[in-house]
Amino acid sequence: MDTFSSPSQFLPILLMFLVALGFVVTTMVASHALGPKKKSKIKLDTFECGIESQGNARVPFAIKYFLVAIIFVLFDIEVIFMYPWAVNFKELGMVGVVEVFSFIILLLVGFYYMLSKKAIKHEE
């Protein structure tokens, strides 16, 4: 097996990238050129679910909604990292077990810190 790669081996990837880029640019230019240009007050008005908009959309709300989303992503990524470990459990041996348990302990410490700061407790 050849361990060295020449630039010509990357030509198909470059060609695919150029075709994809060309498609995106062509589609965007064509939609802009061929799309309707008539603007009116009704078309420029905001619309959501058939309900008339009221007030300002920039009303601040609690940061805890974002914290819950970040916590979800954190534990979702934890599961993604555990799949390769579960697949290669026997090959990794005791070193793999120690590494995964240290990873889980680190996440549990973060989870405990989050609970101590009451990040996911919502007021009624």
PDB file of N, CA and C in Angstrom:
ATOM      1  N   MET A   1       0.844  -1.182   0.000  1.00  0.00           N
ATOM      2  CA  MET A   1       0.000   0.000   0.000  1.00  0.00           C
ATOM      3  C   MET A   1       0.886   1.240   0.000  1.00  0.00           C
ATOM      4  N   ASP A   2       0.561   2.173  -0.849  1.00  0.00           N
ATOM      5  CA  ASP A   2       1.343   3.399  -0.990  1.00  0.00           C
ATOM      6  C   ASP A   2       0.952   4.381   0.111  1.00  0.00           C
ATOM      7  N   THR A   3       1.929   4.775   0.921  1.00  0.00           N
ATOM      8  CA  THR A   3       1.637   5.691   2.032  1.00  0.00           C
ATOM      9  C   THR A   3       1.756   7.145   1.625  1.00  0.00           C
ATOM     10  N   PHE A   4       2.383   7.408   0.469  1.00  0.00           N
ATOM     11  CA  PHE A   4       2.511   8.777   0.004  1.00  0.00           C
ATOM     12  C   PHE A   4       1.380   9.095  -0.961  1.00  0.00           C
ATOM     13  N   SER A   5       0.880  10.298  -0.885  1.00  0.00           N
ATOM     14  CA  SER A   5      -0.194  10.687  -1.799  1.00  0.00           C
ATOM     15  C   SER A   5       0.299  11.854  -2.648  1.00  0.00           C
ATOM     16  N   SER A   6      -0.084  11.794  -3.880  1.00  0.00           N
ATOM     17  CA  SER A   6       0.304  12.867  -4.789  1.00  0.00           C
ATOM     18  C   SER A   6      -0.868  13.832  -4.944  1.00  0.00           C
ATOM     19  N   PRO A   7      -0.589  15.063  -5.353  1.00  0.00           N
ATOM     20  CA  PRO A   7      -1.677  16.034  -5.529  1.00  0.00           C
ATOM     21  C   PRO A   7      -2.726  15.586  -6.544  1.00  0.00           C
ATOM     22  N   SER A   8      -2.343  14.751  -7.500  1.00  0.00           N
ATOM     23  CA  SER A   8      -3.317  14.305  -8.504  1.00  0.00           C
ATOM     24  C   SER A   8      -4.379  13.397  -7.892  1.00  0.00           C
ATOM     25  N   GLN A   9      -4.096  12.793  -6.751  1.00  0.00           N
ATOM     26  CA  GLN A   9      -5.095  11.943  -6.100  1.00  0.00           C
ATOM     27  C   GLN A   9      -6.224  12.773  -5.488  1.00  0.00           C
ATOM     28  N   PHE A  10      -5.973  14.042  -5.266  1.00  0.00           N
ATOM     29  CA  PHE A  10      -6.993  14.909  -4.688  1.00  0.00           C
ATOM     30  C   PHE A  10      -7.800  15.644  -5.757  1.00  0.00           C
ATOM     31  N   LEU A  11      -7.510  15.392  -7.007  1.00  0.00           N
ATOM     32  CA  LEU A  11      -8.218  16.053  -8.099  1.00  0.00           C
ATOM     33  C   LEU A  11      -9.722  15.766  -8.090  1.00  0.00           C
ATOM     34  N   PRO A  12     -10.183  14.529  -7.865  1.00  0.00           N
ATOM     35  CA  PRO A  12     -11.638  14.301  -7.807  1.00  0.00           C
ATOM     36  C   PRO A  12     -12.325  15.082  -6.691  1.00  0.00           C
ATOM     37  N   ILE A  13     -11.661  15.221  -5.547  1.00  0.00           N
ATOM     38  CA  ILE A  13     -12.247  15.988  -4.442  1.00  0.00           C
ATOM     39  C   ILE A  13     -12.340  17.461  -4.819  1.00  0.00           C
ATOM     40  N   LEU A  14     -11.289  17.987  -5.429  1.00  0.00           N
ATOM     41  CA  LEU A  14     -11.300  19.379  -5.870  1.00  0.00           C
ATOM     42  C   LEU A  14     -12.374  19.599  -6.926  1.00  0.00           C
ATOM     43  N   LEU A  15     -12.507  18.651  -7.842  1.00  0.00           N
ATOM     44  CA  LEU A  15     -13.530  18.768  -8.883  1.00  0.00           C
ATOM     45  C   LEU A  15     -14.930  18.748  -8.277  1.00  0.00           C
ATOM     46  N   MET A  16     -15.168  17.858  -7.320  1.00  0.00           N
ATOM     47  CA  MET A  16     -16.476  17.797  -6.659  1.00  0.00           C
ATOM     48  C   MET A  16     -16.761  19.102  -5.913  1.00  0.00           C
ATOM     49  N   PHE A  17     -15.752  19.648  -5.244  1.00  0.00           N
ATOM     50  CA  PHE A  17     -15.919  20.908  -4.532  1.00  0.00           C
ATOM     51  C   PHE A  17     -16.269  22.042  -5.500  1.00  0.00           C
ATOM     52  N   LEU A  18     -15.582  22.094  -6.629  1.00  0.00           N
ATOM     53  CA  LEU A  18     -15.855  23.146  -7.615  1.00  0.00           C
ATOM     54  C   LEU A  18     -17.245  23.005  -8.221  1.00  0.00           C
ATOM     55  N   VAL A  19     -17.684  21.777  -8.502  1.00  0.00           N
ATOM     56  CA  VAL A  19     -19.039  21.564  -9.035  1.00  0.00           C
ATOM     57  C   VAL A  19     -20.086  21.992  -8.006  1.00  0.00           C
ATOM     58  N   ALA A  20     -19.881  21.620  -6.731  1.00  0.00           N
ATOM     59  CA  ALA A  20     -20.827  22.009  -5.681  1.00  0.00           C
ATOM     60  C   ALA A  20     -20.866  23.520  -5.512  1.00  0.00           C
ATOM     61  N   LEU A  21     -19.715  24.155  -5.503  1.00  0.00           N
ATOM     62  CA  LEU A  21     -19.657  25.612  -5.383  1.00  0.00           C
ATOM     63  C   LEU A  21     -20.315  26.285  -6.576  1.00  0.00           C
ATOM     64  N   GLY A  22     -20.058  25.760  -7.769  1.00  0.00           N
ATOM     65  CA  GLY A  22     -20.685  26.312  -8.971  1.00  0.00           C
ATOM     66  C   GLY A  22     -22.196  26.174  -8.946  1.00  0.00           C
ATOM     67  N   PHE A  23     -22.683  25.039  -8.433  1.00  0.00           N
ATOM     68  CA  PHE A  23     -24.133  24.844  -8.327  1.00  0.00           C
ATOM     69  C   PHE A  23     -24.753  25.843  -7.365  1.00  0.00           C
ATOM     70  N   VAL A  24     -24.113  26.052  -6.232  1.00  0.00           N
ATOM     71  CA  VAL A  24     -24.640  26.988  -5.235  1.00  0.00           C
ATOM     72  C   VAL A  24     -24.667  28.406  -5.792  1.00  0.00           C
ATOM     73  N   VAL A  25     -23.574  28.823  -6.400  1.00  0.00           N
ATOM     74  CA  VAL A  25     -23.503  30.184  -6.951  1.00  0.00           C
ATOM     75  C   VAL A  25     -24.518  30.358  -8.071  1.00  0.00           C
ATOM     76  N   THR A  26     -24.613  29.381  -8.967  1.00  0.00           N
ATOM     77  CA  THR A  26     -25.569  29.466 -10.079  1.00  0.00           C
ATOM     78  C   THR A  26     -27.004  29.529  -9.563  1.00  0.00           C
ATOM     79  N   THR A  27     -27.334  28.710  -8.589  1.00  0.00           N
ATOM     80  CA  THR A  27     -28.687  28.701  -8.038  1.00  0.00           C
ATOM     81  C   THR A  27     -29.027  30.028  -7.365  1.00  0.00           C
ATOM     82  N   MET A  28     -28.085  30.578  -6.598  1.00  0.00           N
ATOM     83  CA  MET A  28     -28.358  31.843  -5.915  1.00  0.00           C
ATOM     84  C   MET A  28     -28.505  32.993  -6.905  1.00  0.00           C
ATOM     85  N   VAL A  29     -27.642  33.044  -7.916  1.00  0.00           N
ATOM     86  CA  VAL A  29     -27.729  34.118  -8.912  1.00  0.00           C
ATOM     87  C   VAL A  29     -29.014  33.989  -9.710  1.00  0.00           C
ATOM     88  N   ALA A  30     -29.371  32.756 -10.104  1.00  0.00           N
ATOM     89  CA  ALA A  30     -30.594  32.555 -10.891  1.00  0.00           C
ATOM     90  C   ALA A  30     -31.837  32.910 -10.084  1.00  0.00           C
ATOM     91  N   SER A  31     -31.883  32.521  -8.812  1.00  0.00           N
ATOM     92  CA  SER A  31     -33.062  32.849  -8.007  1.00  0.00           C
ATOM     93  C   SER A  31     -33.175  34.350  -7.776  1.00  0.00           C
ATOM     94  N   HIS A  32     -32.054  35.024  -7.648  1.00  0.00           N
ATOM     95  CA  HIS A  32     -32.094  36.476  -7.466  1.00  0.00           C
ATOM     96  C   HIS A  32     -32.513  37.173  -8.761  1.00  0.00           C
ATOM     97  N   ALA A  33     -32.019  36.674  -9.883  1.00  0.00           N
ATOM     98  CA  ALA A  33     -32.326  37.318 -11.156  1.00  0.00           C
ATOM     99  C   ALA A  33     -33.746  37.021 -11.618  1.00  0.00           C
ATOM    100  N   LEU A  34     -34.218  35.808 -11.383  1.00  0.00           N
ATOM    101  CA  LEU A  34     -35.535  35.412 -11.895  1.00  0.00           C
ATOM    102  C   LEU A  34     -36.662  35.613 -10.888  1.00  0.00           C
ATOM    103  N   GLY A  35     -36.337  35.874  -9.646  1.00  0.00           N
ATOM    104  CA  GLY A  35     -37.363  36.006  -8.617  1.00  0.00           C
ATOM    105  C   GLY A  35     -38.146  37.296  -8.734  1.00  0.00           C
ATOM    106  N   PRO A  36     -39.324  37.340  -8.091  1.00  0.00           N
ATOM    107  CA  PRO A  36     -40.155  38.549  -8.151  1.00  0.00           C
ATOM    108  C   PRO A  36     -39.493  39.714  -7.427  1.00  0.00           C
ATOM    109  N   LYS A  37     -39.731  40.883  -7.954  1.00  0.00           N
ATOM    110  CA  LYS A  37     -39.109  42.088  -7.386  1.00  0.00           C
ATOM    111  C   LYS A  37     -40.144  43.082  -6.851  1.00  0.00           C
ATOM    112  N   LYS A  38     -41.404  42.738  -6.929  1.00  0.00           N
ATOM    113  CA  LYS A  38     -42.456  43.639  -6.490  1.00  0.00           C
ATOM    114  C   LYS A  38     -42.521  43.661  -4.962  1.00  0.00           C
ATOM    115  N   LYS A  39     -42.312  44.838  -4.385  1.00  0.00           N
ATOM    116  CA  LYS A  39     -42.362  44.983  -2.943  1.00  0.00           C
ATOM    117  C   LYS A  39     -43.569  45.833  -2.570  1.00  0.00           C
ATOM    118  N   SER A  40     -44.246  45.424  -1.516  1.00  0.00           N
ATOM    119  CA  SER A  40     -45.389  46.194  -1.025  1.00  0.00           C
ATOM    120  C   SER A  40     -45.360  46.140   0.504  1.00  0.00           C
ATOM    121  N   LYS A  41     -46.210  46.939   1.115  1.00  0.00           N
ATOM    122  CA  LYS A  41     -46.255  46.979   2.575  1.00  0.00           C
ATOM    123  C   LYS A  41     -46.652  45.625   3.140  1.00  0.00           C
ATOM    124  N   ILE A  42     -47.557  44.941   2.474  1.00  0.00           N
ATOM    125  CA  ILE A  42     -48.014  43.642   2.968  1.00  0.00           C
ATOM    126  C   ILE A  42     -46.893  42.600   2.865  1.00  0.00           C
ATOM    127  N   LYS A  43     -46.149  42.602   1.760  1.00  0.00           N
ATOM    128  CA  LYS A  43     -45.075  41.624   1.588  1.00  0.00           C
ATOM    129  C   LYS A  43     -43.919  41.871   2.545  1.00  0.00           C
ATOM    130  N   LEU A  44     -43.660  43.114   2.886  1.00  0.00           N
ATOM    131  CA  LEU A  44     -42.559  43.438   3.780  1.00  0.00           C
ATOM    132  C   LEU A  44     -42.939  43.326   5.252  1.00  0.00           C
ATOM    133  N   ASP A  45     -44.233  43.114   5.542  1.00  0.00           N
ATOM    134  CA  ASP A  45     -44.698  42.988   6.910  1.00  0.00           C
ATOM    135  C   ASP A  45     -44.321  41.612   7.462  1.00  0.00           C
ATOM    136  N   THR A  46     -44.035  41.550   8.773  1.00  0.00           N
ATOM    137  CA  THR A  46     -43.701  40.262   9.379  1.00  0.00           C
ATOM    138  C   THR A  46     -44.937  39.393   9.463  1.00  0.00           C
ATOM    139  N   PHE A  47     -44.722  38.096   9.363  1.00  0.00           N
ATOM    140  CA  PHE A  47     -45.832  37.145   9.366  1.00  0.00           C
ATOM    141  C   PHE A  47     -45.395  35.899  10.105  1.00  0.00           C
ATOM    142  N   GLU A  48     -46.250  35.445  11.011  1.00  0.00           N
ATOM    143  CA  GLU A  48     -45.942  34.210  11.710  1.00  0.00           C
ATOM    144  C   GLU A  48     -47.233  33.497  12.079  1.00  0.00           C
ATOM    145  N   CYS A  49     -47.426  32.362  11.492  1.00  0.00           N
ATOM    146  CA  CYS A  49     -48.545  31.468  11.815  1.00  0.00           C
ATOM    147  C   CYS A  49     -49.905  32.141  11.645  1.00  0.00           C
ATOM    148  N   GLY A  50     -50.016  33.099  10.789  1.00  0.00           N
ATOM    149  CA  GLY A  50     -51.301  33.732  10.536  1.00  0.00           C
ATOM    150  C   GLY A  50     -51.747  34.692  11.617  1.00  0.00           C
ATOM    151  N   ILE A  51     -50.916  34.952  12.586  1.00  0.00           N
ATOM    152  CA  ILE A  51     -51.266  35.841  13.692  1.00  0.00           C
ATOM    153  C   ILE A  51     -50.581  37.175  13.461  1.00  0.00           C
ATOM    154  N   GLU A  52     -51.301  38.236  13.629  1.00  0.00           N
ATOM    155  CA  GLU A  52     -50.729  39.566  13.491  1.00  0.00           C
ATOM    156  C   GLU A  52     -49.649  39.768  14.555  1.00  0.00           C
ATOM    157  N   SER A  53     -48.538  40.334  14.143  1.00  0.00           N
ATOM    158  CA  SER A  53     -47.460  40.565  15.105  1.00  0.00           C
ATOM    159  C   SER A  53     -47.809  41.739  16.009  1.00  0.00           C
ATOM    160  N   GLN A  54     -47.376  41.626  17.260  1.00  0.00           N
ATOM    161  CA  GLN A  54     -47.660  42.676  18.236  1.00  0.00           C
ATOM    162  C   GLN A  54     -46.386  42.980  19.007  1.00  0.00           C
ATOM    163  N   GLY A  55     -46.097  44.218  19.195  1.00  0.00           N
ATOM    164  CA  GLY A  55     -44.979  44.621  20.029  1.00  0.00           C
ATOM    165  C   GLY A  55     -43.628  44.398  19.383  1.00  0.00           C
ATOM    166  N   ASN A  56     -42.615  44.446  20.225  1.00  0.00           N
ATOM    167  CA  ASN A  56     -41.234  44.329  19.788  1.00  0.00           C
ATOM    168  C   ASN A  56     -40.778  42.865  19.908  1.00  0.00           C
ATOM    169  N   ALA A  57     -40.072  42.384  18.919  1.00  0.00           N
ATOM    170  CA  ALA A  57     -39.568  41.008  18.948  1.00  0.00           C
ATOM    171  C   ALA A  57     -38.329  40.881  19.808  1.00  0.00           C
ATOM    172  N   ARG A  58     -37.757  41.967  20.243  1.00  0.00           N
ATOM    173  CA  ARG A  58     -36.514  41.953  21.000  1.00  0.00           C
ATOM    174  C   ARG A  58     -36.752  41.993  22.510  1.00  0.00           C
ATOM    175  N   VAL A  59     -37.809  41.355  22.971  1.00  0.00           N
ATOM    176  CA  VAL A  59     -38.109  41.325  24.394  1.00  0.00           C
ATOM    177  C   VAL A  59     -37.163  40.319  25.055  1.00  0.00           C
ATOM    178  N   PRO A  60     -36.433  40.736  26.074  1.00  0.00           N
ATOM    179  CA  PRO A  60     -35.507  39.799  26.716  1.00  0.00           C
ATOM    180  C   PRO A  60     -36.255  38.710  27.489  1.00  0.00           C
ATOM    181  N   PHE A  61     -35.681  37.513  27.494  1.00  0.00           N
ATOM    182  CA  PHE A  61     -36.237  36.441  28.312  1.00  0.00           C
ATOM    183  C   PHE A  61     -35.106  35.712  29.016  1.00  0.00           C
ATOM    184  N   ALA A  62     -35.450  34.831  29.919  1.00  0.00           N
ATOM    185  CA  ALA A  62     -34.477  34.215  30.821  1.00  0.00           C
ATOM    186  C   ALA A  62     -33.395  33.447  30.063  1.00  0.00           C
ATOM    187  N   ILE A  63     -32.176  33.555  30.548  1.00  0.00           N
ATOM    188  CA  ILE A  63     -31.029  32.859  29.965  1.00  0.00           C
ATOM    189  C   ILE A  63     -31.105  31.363  30.225  1.00  0.00           C
ATOM    190  N   LYS A  64     -31.957  30.947  31.142  1.00  0.00           N
ATOM    191  CA  LYS A  64     -32.043  29.530  31.503  1.00  0.00           C
ATOM    192  C   LYS A  64     -32.507  28.665  30.334  1.00  0.00           C
ATOM    193  N   TYR A  65     -33.233  29.226  29.400  1.00  0.00           N
ATOM    194  CA  TYR A  65     -33.621  28.451  28.208  1.00  0.00           C
ATOM    195  C   TYR A  65     -32.376  28.070  27.410  1.00  0.00           C
ATOM    196  N   PHE A  66     -31.445  28.994  27.296  1.00  0.00           N
ATOM    197  CA  PHE A  66     -30.203  28.705  26.592  1.00  0.00           C
ATOM    198  C   PHE A  66     -29.361  27.702  27.375  1.00  0.00           C
ATOM    199  N   LEU A  67     -29.366  27.808  28.703  1.00  0.00           N
ATOM    200  CA  LEU A  67     -28.603  26.871  29.517  1.00  0.00           C
ATOM    201  C   LEU A  67     -29.118  25.450  29.353  1.00  0.00           C
ATOM    202  N   VAL A  68     -30.419  25.284  29.304  1.00  0.00           N
ATOM    203  CA  VAL A  68     -30.989  23.951  29.094  1.00  0.00           C
ATOM    204  C   VAL A  68     -30.564  23.406  27.738  1.00  0.00           C
ATOM    205  N   ALA A  69     -30.551  24.241  26.720  1.00  0.00           N
ATOM    206  CA  ALA A  69     -30.117  23.795  25.393  1.00  0.00           C
ATOM    207  C   ALA A  69     -28.651  23.400  25.402  1.00  0.00           C
ATOM    208  N   ILE A  70     -27.809  24.162  26.066  1.00  0.00           N
ATOM    209  CA  ILE A  70     -26.389  23.842  26.132  1.00  0.00           C
ATOM    210  C   ILE A  70     -26.165  22.560  26.916  1.00  0.00           C
ATOM    211  N   ILE A  71     -26.923  22.367  27.980  1.00  0.00           N
ATOM    212  CA  ILE A  71     -26.807  21.137  28.772  1.00  0.00           C
ATOM    213  C   ILE A  71     -27.223  19.927  27.932  1.00  0.00           C
ATOM    214  N   PHE A  72     -28.277  20.080  27.161  1.00  0.00           N
ATOM    215  CA  PHE A  72     -28.706  18.994  26.274  1.00  0.00           C
ATOM    216  C   PHE A  72     -27.605  18.641  25.287  1.00  0.00           C
ATOM    217  N   VAL A  73     -27.003  19.639  24.676  1.00  0.00           N
ATOM    218  CA  VAL A  73     -25.925  19.387  23.712  1.00  0.00           C
ATOM    219  C   VAL A  73     -24.742  18.723  24.406  1.00  0.00           C
ATOM    220  N   LEU A  74     -24.410  19.155  25.605  1.00  0.00           N
ATOM    221  CA  LEU A  74     -23.304  18.572  26.354  1.00  0.00           C
ATOM    222  C   LEU A  74     -23.507  17.077  26.567  1.00  0.00           C
ATOM    223  N   PHE A  75     -24.673  16.693  27.042  1.00  0.00           N
ATOM    224  CA  PHE A  75     -24.900  15.279  27.316  1.00  0.00           C
ATOM    225  C   PHE A  75     -25.156  14.482  26.046  1.00  0.00           C
ATOM    226  N   ASP A  76     -25.594  15.122  25.003  1.00  0.00           N
ATOM    227  CA  ASP A  76     -25.725  14.461  23.715  1.00  0.00           C
ATOM    228  C   ASP A  76     -24.339  14.122  23.168  1.00  0.00           C
ATOM    229  N   ILE A  77     -23.401  15.028  23.303  1.00  0.00           N
ATOM    230  CA  ILE A  77     -22.030  14.787  22.853  1.00  0.00           C
ATOM    231  C   ILE A  77     -21.365  13.724  23.729  1.00  0.00           C
ATOM    232  N   GLU A  78     -21.715  13.688  24.988  1.00  0.00           N
ATOM    233  CA  GLU A  78     -21.177  12.637  25.863  1.00  0.00           C
ATOM    234  C   GLU A  78     -21.549  11.261  25.332  1.00  0.00           C
ATOM    235  N   VAL A  79     -22.773  11.095  24.926  1.00  0.00           N
ATOM    236  CA  VAL A  79     -23.216   9.804  24.388  1.00  0.00           C
ATOM    237  C   VAL A  79     -22.482   9.491  23.082  1.00  0.00           C
ATOM    238  N   ILE A  80     -22.258  10.491  22.263  1.00  0.00           N
ATOM    239  CA  ILE A  80     -21.533  10.277  21.000  1.00  0.00           C
ATOM    240  C   ILE A  80     -20.116   9.788  21.284  1.00  0.00           C
ATOM    241  N   PHE A  81     -19.461  10.296  22.320  1.00  0.00           N
ATOM    242  CA  PHE A  81     -18.118   9.848  22.658  1.00  0.00           C
ATOM    243  C   PHE A  81     -18.113   8.449  23.278  1.00  0.00           C
ATOM    244  N   MET A  82     -19.235   8.023  23.829  1.00  0.00           N
ATOM    245  CA  MET A  82     -19.278   6.704  24.453  1.00  0.00           C
ATOM    246  C   MET A  82     -19.487   5.577  23.442  1.00  0.00           C
ATOM    247  N   TYR A  83     -20.043   5.858  22.289  1.00  0.00           N
ATOM    248  CA  TYR A  83     -20.253   4.812  21.287  1.00  0.00           C
ATOM    249  C   TYR A  83     -18.952   4.156  20.827  1.00  0.00           C
ATOM    250  N   PRO A  84     -17.929   4.912  20.445  1.00  0.00           N
ATOM    251  CA  PRO A  84     -16.688   4.235  20.043  1.00  0.00           C
ATOM    252  C   PRO A  84     -16.065   3.425  21.178  1.00  0.00           C
ATOM    253  N   TRP A  85     -16.203   3.908  22.394  1.00  0.00           N
ATOM    254  CA  TRP A  85     -15.672   3.158  23.518  1.00  0.00           C
ATOM    255  C   TRP A  85     -16.415   1.839  23.679  1.00  0.00           C
ATOM    256  N   ALA A  86     -17.723   1.868  23.534  1.00  0.00           N
ATOM    257  CA  ALA A  86     -18.505   0.641  23.674  1.00  0.00           C
ATOM    258  C   ALA A  86     -18.186  -0.348  22.556  1.00  0.00           C
ATOM    259  N   VAL A  87     -17.925   0.146  21.367  1.00  0.00           N
ATOM    260  CA  VAL A  87     -17.597  -0.735  20.245  1.00  0.00           C
ATOM    261  C   VAL A  87     -16.226  -1.371  20.445  1.00  0.00           C
ATOM    262  N   ASN A  88     -15.257  -0.616  20.946  1.00  0.00           N
ATOM    263  CA  ASN A  88     -13.882  -1.096  21.121  1.00  0.00           C
ATOM    264  C   ASN A  88     -13.565  -1.437  22.576  1.00  0.00           C
ATOM    265  N   PHE A  89     -14.565  -1.840  23.313  1.00  0.00           N
ATOM    266  CA  PHE A  89     -14.398  -2.083  24.753  1.00  0.00           C
ATOM    267  C   PHE A  89     -13.303  -3.102  25.042  1.00  0.00           C
ATOM    268  N   LYS A  90     -13.307  -4.220  24.339  1.00  0.00           N
ATOM    269  CA  LYS A  90     -12.332  -5.284  24.615  1.00  0.00           C
ATOM    270  C   LYS A  90     -10.924  -4.897  24.178  1.00  0.00           C
ATOM    271  N   GLU A  91     -10.805  -4.183  23.056  1.00  0.00           N
ATOM    272  CA  GLU A  91      -9.480  -3.807  22.557  1.00  0.00           C
ATOM    273  C   GLU A  91      -8.814  -2.745  23.420  1.00  0.00           C
ATOM    274  N   LEU A  92      -9.586  -1.885  24.047  1.00  0.00           N
ATOM    275  CA  LEU A  92      -9.019  -0.787  24.839  1.00  0.00           C
ATOM    276  C   LEU A  92      -8.488  -1.257  26.182  1.00  0.00           C
ATOM    277  N   GLY A  93      -9.046  -2.318  26.701  1.00  0.00           N
ATOM    278  CA  GLY A  93      -8.557  -2.870  27.965  1.00  0.00           C
ATOM    279  C   GLY A  93      -8.818  -1.961  29.144  1.00  0.00           C
ATOM    280  N   MET A  94      -7.970  -2.115  30.156  1.00  0.00           N
ATOM    281  CA  MET A  94      -8.160  -1.365  31.399  1.00  0.00           C
ATOM    282  C   MET A  94      -7.897   0.124  31.215  1.00  0.00           C
ATOM    283  N   VAL A  95      -6.993   0.476  30.313  1.00  0.00           N
ATOM    284  CA  VAL A  95      -6.717   1.897  30.059  1.00  0.00           C
ATOM    285  C   VAL A  95      -7.976   2.584  29.541  1.00  0.00           C
ATOM    286  N   GLY A  96      -8.700   1.925  28.637  1.00  0.00           N
ATOM    287  CA  GLY A  96      -9.942   2.485  28.109  1.00  0.00           C
ATOM    288  C   GLY A  96     -11.002   2.647  29.175  1.00  0.00           C
ATOM    289  N   VAL A  97     -11.087   1.673  30.086  1.00  0.00           N
ATOM    290  CA  VAL A  97     -12.062   1.754  31.175  1.00  0.00           C
ATOM    291  C   VAL A  97     -11.748   2.945  32.071  1.00  0.00           C
ATOM    292  N   VAL A  98     -10.483   3.122  32.421  1.00  0.00           N
ATOM    293  CA  VAL A  98     -10.087   4.239  33.281  1.00  0.00           C
ATOM    294  C   VAL A  98     -10.368   5.571  32.599  1.00  0.00           C
ATOM    295  N   GLU A  99     -10.059   5.656  31.298  1.00  0.00           N
ATOM    296  CA  GLU A  99     -10.300   6.906  30.578  1.00  0.00           C
ATOM    297  C   GLU A  99     -11.787   7.238  30.500  1.00  0.00           C
ATOM    298  N   VAL A 100     -12.622   6.237  30.234  1.00  0.00           N
ATOM    299  CA  VAL A 100     -14.061   6.507  30.133  1.00  0.00           C
ATOM    300  C   VAL A 100     -14.637   6.869  31.494  1.00  0.00           C
ATOM    301  N   PHE A 101     -14.196   6.183  32.545  1.00  0.00           N
ATOM    302  CA  PHE A 101     -14.708   6.538  33.866  1.00  0.00           C
ATOM    303  C   PHE A 101     -14.243   7.923  34.296  1.00  0.00           C
ATOM    304  N   SER A 102     -13.027   8.316  33.921  1.00  0.00           N
ATOM    305  CA  SER A 102     -12.592   9.677  34.239  1.00  0.00           C
ATOM    306  C   SER A 102     -13.401  10.701  33.445  1.00  0.00           C
ATOM    307  N   PHE A 103     -13.754  10.356  32.208  1.00  0.00           N
ATOM    308  CA  PHE A 103     -14.609  11.225  31.395  1.00  0.00           C
ATOM    309  C   PHE A 103     -15.986  11.365  32.036  1.00  0.00           C
ATOM    310  N   ILE A 104     -16.552  10.259  32.478  1.00  0.00           N
ATOM    311  CA  ILE A 104     -17.880  10.294  33.110  1.00  0.00           C
ATOM    312  C   ILE A 104     -17.825  11.070  34.423  1.00  0.00           C
ATOM    313  N   ILE A 105     -16.773  10.871  35.200  1.00  0.00           N
ATOM    314  CA  ILE A 105     -16.641  11.598  36.476  1.00  0.00           C
ATOM    315  C   ILE A 105     -16.524  13.096  36.218  1.00  0.00           C
ATOM    316  N   LEU A 106     -15.762  13.478  35.209  1.00  0.00           N
ATOM    317  CA  LEU A 106     -15.632  14.894  34.872  1.00  0.00           C
ATOM    318  C   LEU A 106     -16.991  15.484  34.482  1.00  0.00           C
ATOM    319  N   LEU A 107     -17.769  14.751  33.712  1.00  0.00           N
ATOM    320  CA  LEU A 107     -19.094  15.238  33.345  1.00  0.00           C
ATOM    321  C   LEU A 107     -20.032  15.285  34.548  1.00  0.00           C
ATOM    322  N   LEU A 108     -19.931  14.328  35.448  1.00  0.00           N
ATOM    323  CA  LEU A 108     -20.768  14.350  36.645  1.00  0.00           C
ATOM    324  C   LEU A 108     -20.403  15.516  37.559  1.00  0.00           C
ATOM    325  N   VAL A 109     -19.116  15.859  37.621  1.00  0.00           N
ATOM    326  CA  VAL A 109     -18.706  17.031  38.399  1.00  0.00           C
ATOM    327  C   VAL A 109     -19.334  18.291  37.798  1.00  0.00           C
ATOM    328  N   GLY A 110     -19.303  18.396  36.473  1.00  0.00           N
ATOM    329  CA  GLY A 110     -19.944  19.523  35.804  1.00  0.00           C
ATOM    330  C   GLY A 110     -21.443  19.540  36.025  1.00  0.00           C
ATOM    331  N   PHE A 111     -22.060  18.361  36.013  1.00  0.00           N
ATOM    332  CA  PHE A 111     -23.505  18.266  36.254  1.00  0.00           C
ATOM    333  C   PHE A 111     -23.840  18.687  37.680  1.00  0.00           C
ATOM    334  N   TYR A 112     -23.027  18.252  38.651  1.00  0.00           N
ATOM    335  CA  TYR A 112     -23.243  18.659  40.035  1.00  0.00           C
ATOM    336  C   TYR A 112     -23.089  20.167  40.191  1.00  0.00           C
ATOM    337  N   TYR A 113     -22.076  20.748  39.526  1.00  0.00           N
ATOM    338  CA  TYR A 113     -21.881  22.195  39.578  1.00  0.00           C
ATOM    339  C   TYR A 113     -23.102  22.916  39.007  1.00  0.00           C
ATOM    340  N   MET A 114     -23.624  22.375  37.898  1.00  0.00           N
ATOM    341  CA  MET A 114     -24.805  22.972  37.275  1.00  0.00           C
ATOM    342  C   MET A 114     -26.006  22.909  38.219  1.00  0.00           C
ATOM    343  N   LEU A 115     -26.163  21.774  38.895  1.00  0.00           N
ATOM    344  CA  LEU A 115     -27.264  21.661  39.851  1.00  0.00           C
ATOM    345  C   LEU A 115     -27.067  22.587  41.043  1.00  0.00           C
ATOM    346  N   SER A 116     -25.828  22.753  41.496  1.00  0.00           N
ATOM    347  CA  SER A 116     -25.572  23.632  42.641  1.00  0.00           C
ATOM    348  C   SER A 116     -25.853  25.093  42.303  1.00  0.00           C
ATOM    349  N   LYS A 117     -25.676  25.466  41.033  1.00  0.00           N
ATOM    350  CA  LYS A 117     -25.982  26.823  40.597  1.00  0.00           C
ATOM    351  C   LYS A 117     -27.441  26.991  40.183  1.00  0.00           C
ATOM    352  N   LYS A 118     -28.219  25.908  40.288  1.00  0.00           N
ATOM    353  CA  LYS A 118     -29.648  25.901  39.948  1.00  0.00           C
ATOM    354  C   LYS A 118     -29.886  26.362  38.498  1.00  0.00           C
ATOM    355  N   ALA A 119     -29.078  25.820  37.599  1.00  0.00           N
ATOM    356  CA  ALA A 119     -29.155  26.221  36.185  1.00  0.00           C
ATOM    357  C   ALA A 119     -30.396  25.670  35.501  1.00  0.00           C
ATOM    358  N   ILE A 120     -30.911  24.520  35.969  1.00  0.00           N
ATOM    359  CA  ILE A 120     -32.068  23.958  35.283  1.00  0.00           C
ATOM    360  C   ILE A 120     -33.342  24.027  36.121  1.00  0.00           C
ATOM    361  N   LYS A 121     -33.310  24.782  37.198  1.00  0.00           N
ATOM    362  CA  LYS A 121     -34.514  24.963  38.010  1.00  0.00           C
ATOM    363  C   LYS A 121     -35.242  26.205  37.539  1.00  0.00           C
ATOM    364  N   HIS A 122     -36.436  26.017  37.017  1.00  0.00           N
ATOM    365  CA  HIS A 122     -37.220  27.145  36.521  1.00  0.00           C
ATOM    366  C   HIS A 122     -38.225  27.585  37.587  1.00  0.00           C
ATOM    367  N   GLU A 123     -38.393  28.881  37.666  1.00  0.00           N
ATOM    368  CA  GLU A 123     -39.364  29.408  38.604  1.00  0.00           C
ATOM    369  C   GLU A 123     -40.762  29.212  38.030  1.00  0.00           C
ATOM    370  N   GLU A 124     -41.695  29.012  38.892  1.00  0.00           N
ATOM    371  CA  GLU A 124     -43.085  28.794  38.469  1.00  0.00           C
ATOM    372  C   GLU A 124     -43.721  30.098  38.072  1.00  0.00           C
TER     373      GLU A 124
END
